[in-house]
Structure formats: C-alpha cells, structure tokens
PDB file of N, CA and C in Angstrom:
ATOM      1  N   MET A   1      11.596  -0.934   9.040  1.00  0.00           N
ATOM      2  CA  MET A   1      10.804  -1.170  10.220  1.00  0.00           C
ATOM      3  C   MET A   1       9.510  -1.882   9.818  1.00  0.00           C
ATOM      4  N   PRO A   2       9.213  -3.037  10.418  1.00  0.00           N
ATOM      5  CA  PRO A   2       8.008  -3.766  10.063  1.00  0.00           C
ATOM      6  C   PRO A   2       6.746  -3.034  10.516  1.00  0.00           C
ATOM      7  N   VAL A   3       5.670  -3.322   9.828  1.00  0.00           N
ATOM      8  CA  VAL A   3       4.387  -2.695  10.140  1.00  0.00           C
ATOM      9  C   VAL A   3       3.777  -3.391  11.347  1.00  0.00           C
ATOM     10  N   ASP A   4       3.238  -2.625  12.282  1.00  0.00           N
ATOM     11  CA  ASP A   4       2.630  -3.144  13.493  1.00  0.00           C
ATOM     12  C   ASP A   4       1.391  -3.979  13.145  1.00  0.00           C
ATOM     13  N   ILE A   5       1.146  -5.025  13.908  1.00  0.00           N
ATOM     14  CA  ILE A   5       0.024  -5.935  13.662  1.00  0.00           C
ATOM     15  C   ILE A   5      -1.314  -5.198  13.754  1.00  0.00           C
ATOM     16  N   GLN A   6      -1.464  -4.300  14.725  1.00  0.00           N
ATOM     17  CA  GLN A   6      -2.719  -3.579  14.885  1.00  0.00           C
ATOM     18  C   GLN A   6      -2.979  -2.664  13.689  1.00  0.00           C
ATOM     19  N   GLU A   7      -1.940  -1.999  13.186  1.00  0.00           N
ATOM     20  CA  GLU A   7      -2.099  -1.136  12.015  1.00  0.00           C
ATOM     21  C   GLU A   7      -2.493  -1.949  10.796  1.00  0.00           C
ATOM     22  N   ARG A   8      -1.878  -3.103  10.673  1.00  0.00           N
ATOM     23  CA  ARG A   8      -2.173  -3.993   9.552  1.00  0.00           C
ATOM     24  C   ARG A   8      -3.627  -4.469   9.594  1.00  0.00           C
ATOM     25  N   THR A   9      -4.072  -4.880  10.768  1.00  0.00           N
ATOM     26  CA  THR A   9      -5.439  -5.349  10.927  1.00  0.00           C
ATOM     27  C   THR A   9      -6.433  -4.223  10.675  1.00  0.00           C
ATOM     28  N   LYS A  10      -6.092  -3.019  11.111  1.00  0.00           N
ATOM     29  CA  LYS A  10      -6.966  -1.861  10.899  1.00  0.00           C
ATOM     30  C   LYS A  10      -7.105  -1.562   9.404  1.00  0.00           C
ATOM     31  N   ALA A  11      -6.003  -1.632   8.658  1.00  0.00           N
ATOM     32  CA  ALA A  11      -6.043  -1.376   7.217  1.00  0.00           C
ATOM     33  C   ALA A  11      -6.864  -2.441   6.504  1.00  0.00           C
ATOM     34  N   ILE A  12      -6.695  -3.689   6.895  1.00  0.00           N
ATOM     35  CA  ILE A  12      -7.463  -4.775   6.273  1.00  0.00           C
ATOM     36  C   ILE A  12      -8.949  -4.574   6.551  1.00  0.00           C
ATOM     37  N   ALA A  13      -9.304  -4.224   7.798  1.00  0.00           N
ATOM     38  CA  ALA A  13     -10.707  -4.028   8.148  1.00  0.00           C
ATOM     39  C   ALA A  13     -11.312  -2.842   7.400  1.00  0.00           C
ATOM     40  N   GLN A  14     -10.508  -1.829   7.134  1.00  0.00           N
ATOM     41  CA  GLN A  14     -11.018  -0.627   6.468  1.00  0.00           C
ATOM     42  C   GLN A  14     -11.312  -0.877   4.988  1.00  0.00           C
ATOM     43  N   PHE A  15     -10.516  -1.704   4.315  1.00  0.00           N
ATOM     44  CA  PHE A  15     -10.627  -1.844   2.869  1.00  0.00           C
ATOM     45  C   PHE A  15     -11.175  -3.184   2.390  1.00  0.00           C
ATOM     46  N   ARG A  16     -11.480  -4.099   3.285  1.00  0.00           N
ATOM     47  CA  ARG A  16     -11.927  -5.418   2.843  1.00  0.00           C
ATOM     48  C   ARG A  16     -13.335  -5.376   2.273  1.00  0.00           C
ATOM     49  N   ALA A  17     -13.610  -6.336   1.400  1.00  0.00           N
ATOM     50  CA  ALA A  17     -14.917  -6.413   0.759  1.00  0.00           C
ATOM     51  C   ALA A  17     -15.877  -7.299   1.557  1.00  0.00           C
ATOM     52  N   HIS A  18     -15.344  -8.299   2.273  1.00  0.00           N
ATOM     53  CA  HIS A  18     -16.156  -9.185   3.101  1.00  0.00           C
ATOM     54  C   HIS A  18     -15.324  -9.617   4.296  1.00  0.00           C
ATOM     55  N   ASP A  19     -15.873 -10.463   5.165  1.00  0.00           N
ATOM     56  CA  ASP A  19     -15.226 -10.802   6.434  1.00  0.00           C
ATOM     57  C   ASP A  19     -13.821 -11.378   6.286  1.00  0.00           C
ATOM     58  N   ARG A  20     -13.627 -12.279   5.361  1.00  0.00           N
ATOM     59  CA  ARG A  20     -12.360 -12.994   5.266  1.00  0.00           C
ATOM     60  C   ARG A  20     -11.470 -12.468   4.139  1.00  0.00           C
ATOM     61  N   ASP A  21     -11.732 -11.262   3.673  1.00  0.00           N
ATOM     62  CA  ASP A  21     -10.986 -10.684   2.563  1.00  0.00           C
ATOM     63  C   ASP A  21      -9.647 -10.136   3.040  1.00  0.00           C
ATOM     64  N   THR A  22      -8.549 -10.734   2.551  1.00  0.00           N
ATOM     65  CA  THR A  22      -7.225 -10.210   2.861  1.00  0.00           C
ATOM     66  C   THR A  22      -6.391 -10.022   1.598  1.00  0.00           C
ATOM     67  N   GLY A  23      -6.938 -10.331   0.438  1.00  0.00           N
ATOM     68  CA  GLY A  23      -6.134 -10.303  -0.766  1.00  0.00           C
ATOM     69  C   GLY A  23      -6.694  -9.477  -1.904  1.00  0.00           C
ATOM     70  N   SER A  24      -7.787  -8.772  -1.692  1.00  0.00           N
ATOM     71  CA  SER A  24      -8.331  -7.967  -2.782  1.00  0.00           C
ATOM     72  C   SER A  24      -7.396  -6.793  -3.066  1.00  0.00           C
ATOM     73  N   ALA A  25      -7.561  -6.185  -4.219  1.00  0.00           N
ATOM     74  CA  ALA A  25      -6.672  -5.103  -4.640  1.00  0.00           C
ATOM     75  C   ALA A  25      -6.650  -3.935  -3.655  1.00  0.00           C
ATOM     76  N   PRO A  26      -7.790  -3.447  -3.144  1.00  0.00           N
ATOM     77  CA  PRO A  26      -7.714  -2.335  -2.192  1.00  0.00           C
ATOM     78  C   PRO A  26      -6.946  -2.681  -0.915  1.00  0.00           C
ATOM     79  N   VAL A  27      -7.102  -3.912  -0.427  1.00  0.00           N
ATOM     80  CA  VAL A  27      -6.386  -4.328   0.777  1.00  0.00           C
ATOM     81  C   VAL A  27      -4.888  -4.395   0.494  1.00  0.00           C
ATOM     82  N   GLN A  28      -4.516  -4.966  -0.642  1.00  0.00           N
ATOM     83  CA  GLN A  28      -3.098  -5.050  -1.001  1.00  0.00           C
ATOM     84  C   GLN A  28      -2.490  -3.666  -1.155  1.00  0.00           C
ATOM     85  N   ILE A  29      -3.223  -2.741  -1.745  1.00  0.00           N
ATOM     86  CA  ILE A  29      -2.724  -1.376  -1.931  1.00  0.00           C
ATOM     87  C   ILE A  29      -2.521  -0.711  -0.568  1.00  0.00           C
ATOM     88  N   ALA A  30      -3.454  -0.905   0.353  1.00  0.00           N
ATOM     89  CA  ALA A  30      -3.335  -0.301   1.683  1.00  0.00           C
ATOM     90  C   ALA A  30      -2.122  -0.855   2.433  1.00  0.00           C
ATOM     91  N   LEU A  31      -1.910  -2.166   2.352  1.00  0.00           N
ATOM     92  CA  LEU A  31      -0.776  -2.775   3.044  1.00  0.00           C
ATOM     93  C   LEU A  31       0.550  -2.340   2.418  1.00  0.00           C
ATOM     94  N   LEU A  32       0.596  -2.271   1.110  1.00  0.00           N
ATOM     95  CA  LEU A  32       1.815  -1.799   0.454  1.00  0.00           C
ATOM     96  C   LEU A  32       2.102  -0.345   0.811  1.00  0.00           C
ATOM     97  N   THR A  33       1.065   0.464   0.915  1.00  0.00           N
ATOM     98  CA  THR A  33       1.254   1.870   1.275  1.00  0.00           C
ATOM     99  C   THR A  33       1.840   1.989   2.677  1.00  0.00           C
ATOM    100  N   GLN A  34       1.391   1.154   3.600  1.00  0.00           N
ATOM    101  CA  GLN A  34       1.955   1.169   4.948  1.00  0.00           C
ATOM    102  C   GLN A  34       3.430   0.806   4.925  1.00  0.00           C
ATOM    103  N   ARG A  35       3.778  -0.225   4.188  1.00  0.00           N
ATOM    104  CA  ARG A  35       5.188  -0.641   4.116  1.00  0.00           C
ATOM    105  C   ARG A  35       6.042   0.422   3.446  1.00  0.00           C
ATOM    106  N   ILE A  36       5.519   1.054   2.389  1.00  0.00           N
ATOM    107  CA  ILE A  36       6.256   2.104   1.683  1.00  0.00           C
ATOM    108  C   ILE A  36       6.489   3.295   2.610  1.00  0.00           C
ATOM    109  N   ASN A  37       5.473   3.695   3.357  1.00  0.00           N
ATOM    110  CA  ASN A  37       5.626   4.815   4.283  1.00  0.00           C
ATOM    111  C   ASN A  37       6.653   4.510   5.370  1.00  0.00           C
ATOM    112  N   GLY A  38       6.675   3.276   5.845  1.00  0.00           N
ATOM    113  CA  GLY A  38       7.670   2.881   6.839  1.00  0.00           C
ATOM    114  C   GLY A  38       9.082   2.927   6.296  1.00  0.00           C
ATOM    115  N   LEU A  39       9.247   2.490   5.056  1.00  0.00           N
ATOM    116  CA  LEU A  39      10.582   2.496   4.457  1.00  0.00           C
ATOM    117  C   LEU A  39      11.071   3.900   4.129  1.00  0.00           C
ATOM    118  N   THR A  40      10.188   4.801   3.770  1.00  0.00           N
ATOM    119  CA  THR A  40      10.637   6.159   3.466  1.00  0.00           C
ATOM    120  C   THR A  40      11.205   6.815   4.720  1.00  0.00           C
ATOM    121  N   GLY A  41      10.649   6.512   5.882  1.00  0.00           N
ATOM    122  CA  GLY A  41      11.233   7.005   7.126  1.00  0.00           C
ATOM    123  C   GLY A  41      12.594   6.391   7.392  1.00  0.00           C
ATOM    124  N   HIS A  42      12.765   5.142   7.043  1.00  0.00           N
ATOM    125  CA  HIS A  42      14.044   4.449   7.215  1.00  0.00           C
ATOM    126  C   HIS A  42      15.142   5.116   6.386  1.00  0.00           C
ATOM    127  N   PHE A  43      14.794   5.590   5.200  1.00  0.00           N
ATOM    128  CA  PHE A  43      15.800   6.169   4.313  1.00  0.00           C
ATOM    129  C   PHE A  43      16.237   7.561   4.741  1.00  0.00           C
ATOM    130  N   LYS A  44      15.518   8.192   5.645  1.00  0.00           N
ATOM    131  CA  LYS A  44      15.963   9.491   6.152  1.00  0.00           C
ATOM    132  C   LYS A  44      17.222   9.332   7.001  1.00  0.00           C
ATOM    133  N   THR A  45      17.362   8.195   7.681  1.00  0.00           N
ATOM    134  CA  THR A  45      18.543   7.972   8.506  1.00  0.00           C
ATOM    135  C   THR A  45      19.590   7.096   7.820  1.00  0.00           C
ATOM    136  N   HIS A  46      19.172   6.228   6.905  1.00  0.00           N
ATOM    137  CA  HIS A  46      20.095   5.315   6.223  1.00  0.00           C
ATOM    138  C   HIS A  46      20.103   5.630   4.734  1.00  0.00           C
ATOM    139  N   LYS A  47      20.827   6.662   4.379  1.00  0.00           N
ATOM    140  CA  LYS A  47      20.817   7.154   3.000  1.00  0.00           C
ATOM    141  C   LYS A  47      21.477   6.198   2.013  1.00  0.00           C
ATOM    142  N   LYS A  48      22.396   5.373   2.465  1.00  0.00           N
ATOM    143  CA  LYS A  48      23.150   4.520   1.549  1.00  0.00           C
ATOM    144  C   LYS A  48      22.637   3.081   1.498  1.00  0.00           C
ATOM    145  N   ASP A  49      21.467   2.829   1.993  1.00  0.00           N
ATOM    146  CA  ASP A  49      20.890   1.486   1.993  1.00  0.00           C
ATOM    147  C   ASP A  49      20.285   1.191   0.617  1.00  0.00           C
ATOM    148  N   VAL A  50      21.141   0.777  -0.297  1.00  0.00           N
ATOM    149  CA  VAL A  50      20.741   0.597  -1.693  1.00  0.00           C
ATOM    150  C   VAL A  50      19.832  -0.618  -1.861  1.00  0.00           C
ATOM    151  N   HIS A  51      20.102  -1.679  -1.125  1.00  0.00           N
ATOM    152  CA  HIS A  51      19.325  -2.907  -1.293  1.00  0.00           C
ATOM    153  C   HIS A  51      17.872  -2.715  -0.851  1.00  0.00           C
ATOM    154  N   SER A  52      17.663  -2.008   0.248  1.00  0.00           N
ATOM    155  CA  SER A  52      16.291  -1.736   0.675  1.00  0.00           C
ATOM    156  C   SER A  52      15.607  -0.771  -0.276  1.00  0.00           C
ATOM    157  N   ARG A  53      16.377   0.135  -0.859  1.00  0.00           N
ATOM    158  CA  ARG A  53      15.799   1.077  -1.823  1.00  0.00           C
ATOM    159  C   ARG A  53      15.274   0.328  -3.044  1.00  0.00           C
ATOM    160  N   GLN A  54      15.978  -0.718  -3.456  1.00  0.00           N
ATOM    161  CA  GLN A  54      15.510  -1.527  -4.579  1.00  0.00           C
ATOM    162  C   GLN A  54      14.184  -2.207  -4.219  1.00  0.00           C
ATOM    163  N   GLY A  55      14.074  -2.709  -2.991  1.00  0.00           N
ATOM    164  CA  GLY A  55      12.824  -3.301  -2.536  1.00  0.00           C
ATOM    165  C   GLY A  55      11.700  -2.282  -2.493  1.00  0.00           C
ATOM    166  N   LEU A  56      12.032  -1.049  -2.081  1.00  0.00           N
ATOM    167  CA  LEU A  56      11.036   0.018  -2.063  1.00  0.00           C
ATOM    168  C   LEU A  56      10.521   0.306  -3.465  1.00  0.00           C
ATOM    169  N   LEU A  57      11.414   0.383  -4.429  1.00  0.00           N
ATOM    170  CA  LEU A  57      11.002   0.649  -5.804  1.00  0.00           C
ATOM    171  C   LEU A  57      10.128  -0.473  -6.351  1.00  0.00           C
ATOM    172  N   MET A  58      10.418  -1.709  -5.961  1.00  0.00           N
ATOM    173  CA  MET A  58       9.584  -2.832  -6.396  1.00  0.00           C
ATOM    174  C   MET A  58       8.189  -2.735  -5.791  1.00  0.00           C
ATOM    175  N   MET A  59       8.113  -2.324  -4.516  1.00  0.00           N
ATOM    176  CA  MET A  59       6.804  -2.172  -3.880  1.00  0.00           C
ATOM    177  C   MET A  59       6.010  -1.034  -4.514  1.00  0.00           C
ATOM    178  N   VAL A  60       6.678   0.057  -4.840  1.00  0.00           N
ATOM    179  CA  VAL A  60       5.990   1.189  -5.465  1.00  0.00           C
ATOM    180  C   VAL A  60       5.428   0.787  -6.823  1.00  0.00           C
ATOM    181  N   SER A  61       6.215   0.040  -7.603  1.00  0.00           N
ATOM    182  CA  SER A  61       5.729  -0.361  -8.920  1.00  0.00           C
ATOM    183  C   SER A  61       4.600  -1.381  -8.802  1.00  0.00           C
ATOM    184  N   ARG A  62       4.656  -2.260  -7.799  1.00  0.00           N
ATOM    185  CA  ARG A  62       3.562  -3.219  -7.587  1.00  0.00           C
ATOM    186  C   ARG A  62       2.282  -2.482  -7.204  1.00  0.00           C
ATOM    187  N   ARG A  63       2.406  -1.468  -6.331  1.00  0.00           N
ATOM    188  CA  ARG A  63       1.234  -0.680  -5.946  1.00  0.00           C
ATOM    189  C   ARG A  63       0.665   0.073  -7.144  1.00  0.00           C
ATOM    190  N   ARG A  64       1.536   0.600  -8.005  1.00  0.00           N
ATOM    191  CA  ARG A  64       1.089   1.313  -9.201  1.00  0.00           C
ATOM    192  C   ARG A  64       0.309   0.381 -10.126  1.00  0.00           C
ATOM    193  N   ARG A  65       0.793  -0.842 -10.316  1.00  0.00           N
ATOM    194  CA  ARG A  65       0.094  -1.807 -11.168  1.00  0.00           C
ATOM    195  C   ARG A  65      -1.260  -2.184 -10.568  1.00  0.00           C
ATOM    196  N   LEU A  66      -1.312  -2.365  -9.248  1.00  0.00           N
ATOM    197  CA  LEU A  66      -2.588  -2.679  -8.604  1.00  0.00           C
ATOM    198  C   LEU A  66      -3.568  -1.525  -8.736  1.00  0.00           C
ATOM    199  N   LEU A  67      -3.078  -0.288  -8.632  1.00  0.00           N
ATOM    200  CA  LEU A  67      -3.952   0.874  -8.802  1.00  0.00           C
ATOM    201  C   LEU A  67      -4.484   0.951 -10.229  1.00  0.00           C
ATOM    202  N   GLU A  68      -3.644   0.659 -11.209  1.00  0.00           N
ATOM    203  CA  GLU A  68      -4.104   0.653 -12.602  1.00  0.00           C
ATOM    204  C   GLU A  68      -5.168  -0.416 -12.812  1.00  0.00           C
ATOM    205  N   TYR A  69      -4.967  -1.595 -12.230  1.00  0.00           N
ATOM    206  CA  TYR A  69      -5.954  -2.671 -12.331  1.00  0.00           C
ATOM    207  C   TYR A  69      -7.277  -2.234 -11.717  1.00  0.00           C
ATOM    208  N   LEU A  70      -7.202  -1.646 -10.525  1.00  0.00           N
ATOM    209  CA  LEU A  70      -8.413  -1.222  -9.835  1.00  0.00           C
ATOM    210  C   LEU A  70      -9.144  -0.132 -10.616  1.00  0.00           C
ATOM    211  N   LYS A  71      -8.398   0.752 -11.244  1.00  0.00           N
ATOM    212  CA  LYS A  71      -9.014   1.824 -12.036  1.00  0.00           C
ATOM    213  C   LYS A  71      -9.762   1.247 -13.236  1.00  0.00           C
ATOM    214  N   ARG A  72      -9.189   0.229 -13.873  1.00  0.00           N
ATOM    215  CA  ARG A  72      -9.838  -0.397 -15.029  1.00  0.00           C
ATOM    216  C   ARG A  72     -11.095  -1.147 -14.641  1.00  0.00           C
ATOM    217  N   HIS A  73     -11.094  -1.823 -13.493  1.00  0.00           N
ATOM    218  CA  HIS A  73     -12.179  -2.735 -13.147  1.00  0.00           C
ATOM    219  C   HIS A  73     -13.199  -2.183 -12.161  1.00  0.00           C
ATOM    220  N   ASP A  74     -12.816  -1.211 -11.337  1.00  0.00           N
ATOM    221  CA  ASP A  74     -13.739  -0.709 -10.324  1.00  0.00           C
ATOM    222  C   ASP A  74     -13.395   0.743  -9.990  1.00  0.00           C
ATOM    223  N   GLU A  75     -13.883   1.657 -10.817  1.00  0.00           N
ATOM    224  CA  GLU A  75     -13.553   3.087 -10.682  1.00  0.00           C
ATOM    225  C   GLU A  75     -13.958   3.680  -9.324  1.00  0.00           C
ATOM    226  N   PRO A  76     -15.155   3.409  -8.789  1.00  0.00           N
ATOM    227  CA  PRO A  76     -15.509   3.993  -7.483  1.00  0.00           C
ATOM    228  C   PRO A  76     -14.580   3.527  -6.356  1.00  0.00           C
ATOM    229  N   SER A  77     -14.223   2.264  -6.378  1.00  0.00           N
ATOM    230  CA  SER A  77     -13.313   1.742  -5.364  1.00  0.00           C
ATOM    231  C   SER A  77     -11.924   2.368  -5.508  1.00  0.00           C
ATOM    232  N   TYR A  78     -11.505   2.596  -6.741  1.00  0.00           N
ATOM    233  CA  TYR A  78     -10.232   3.257  -7.025  1.00  0.00           C
ATOM    234  C   TYR A  78     -10.214   4.658  -6.420  1.00  0.00           C
ATOM    235  N   ARG A  79     -11.293   5.423  -6.636  1.00  0.00           N
ATOM    236  CA  ARG A  79     -11.384   6.783  -6.085  1.00  0.00           C
ATOM    237  C   ARG A  79     -11.382   6.759  -4.551  1.00  0.00           C
ATOM    238  N   LYS A  80     -12.070   5.771  -3.970  1.00  0.00           N
ATOM    239  CA  LYS A  80     -12.126   5.650  -2.516  1.00  0.00           C
ATOM    240  C   LYS A  80     -10.741   5.372  -1.935  1.00  0.00           C
ATOM    241  N   VAL A  81     -10.024   4.454  -2.565  1.00  0.00           N
ATOM    242  CA  VAL A  81      -8.691   4.099  -2.082  1.00  0.00           C
ATOM    243  C   VAL A  81      -7.754   5.301  -2.180  1.00  0.00           C
ATOM    244  N   LEU A  82      -7.786   6.012  -3.303  1.00  0.00           N
ATOM    245  CA  LEU A  82      -6.933   7.188  -3.463  1.00  0.00           C
ATOM    246  C   LEU A  82      -7.234   8.239  -2.399  1.00  0.00           C
ATOM    247  N   GLY A  83      -8.510   8.457  -2.129  1.00  0.00           N
ATOM    248  CA  GLY A  83      -8.898   9.467  -1.153  1.00  0.00           C
ATOM    249  C   GLY A  83      -8.497   9.104   0.273  1.00  0.00           C
ATOM    250  N   GLU A  84      -8.722   7.857   0.648  1.00  0.00           N
ATOM    251  CA  GLU A  84      -8.460   7.459   2.032  1.00  0.00           C
ATOM    252  C   GLU A  84      -6.982   7.285   2.330  1.00  0.00           C
ATOM    253  N   LEU A  85      -6.189   6.941   1.314  1.00  0.00           N
ATOM    254  CA  LEU A  85      -4.752   6.767   1.533  1.00  0.00           C
ATOM    255  C   LEU A  85      -3.948   8.014   1.182  1.00  0.00           C
ATOM    256  N   ASN A  86      -4.636   9.051   0.737  1.00  0.00           N
ATOM    257  CA  ASN A  86      -3.972  10.322   0.339  1.00  0.00           C
ATOM    258  C   ASN A  86      -2.899  10.102  -0.713  1.00  0.00           C
ATOM    259  N   LEU A  87      -3.253   9.351  -1.761  1.00  0.00           N
ATOM    260  CA  LEU A  87      -2.327   9.107  -2.867  1.00  0.00           C
ATOM    261  C   LEU A  87      -2.643  10.053  -4.013  1.00  0.00           C
ATOM    262  N   ARG A  88      -1.625  10.463  -4.741  1.00  0.00           N
ATOM    263  CA  ARG A  88      -1.816  11.352  -5.885  1.00  0.00           C
ATOM    264  C   ARG A  88      -2.024  10.519  -7.141  1.00  0.00           C
ATOM    265  N   LYS A  89      -2.855  10.995  -8.029  1.00  0.00           N
ATOM    266  CA  LYS A  89      -3.016  10.392  -9.362  1.00  0.00           C
ATOM    267  C   LYS A  89      -3.591  11.417 -10.267  1.00  0.00           C
TER     268      LYS A  89
END
C-alpha cells in the first residue's frame, strides 16, 4: 500500500533541516519507516508475497545504513530520529 501524500509531506516537514530539504538522512529515514510500516501490514494478509518481502528487507537494510551514517556524523539528530519514530537501537 503506497504512503499517503499528506503523511509523506508531514514526515518531510517534521524532519527537514531547511525549507527545501527532502533528501537529508533524517527525512529519508522517516520516509523509509513509513513505507516499512505499510508493508508490514501488507504481509499480515499476504504471507506468501516473497518478492515484496525482498523489497522490504532492502528497505530495512537501507534504513539501517542511514541510521549508522547519522549516528557517526550527527549524534543528537540520531537520538531525535530514534525517539520520534519509536525505533529500537
């Protein structure tokens, strides 16, 4: 299920660094988290959807790499993102 435009815009507005920021690490992590949460709901009804599961695993690993990058370069922002998105680390 695709992410709603309003939810996407809200996530970008919450994590952006400046007005036109759509690609910084916190914004990318927030958008990936939305897509991951949407797909986990999809798998409750479609247990045998192997191809989408592979895409989910790729998104999870991309989010993990972005979180590691953010932790190395900007620790306070890393803590903020973890807290607001309710991610474990």
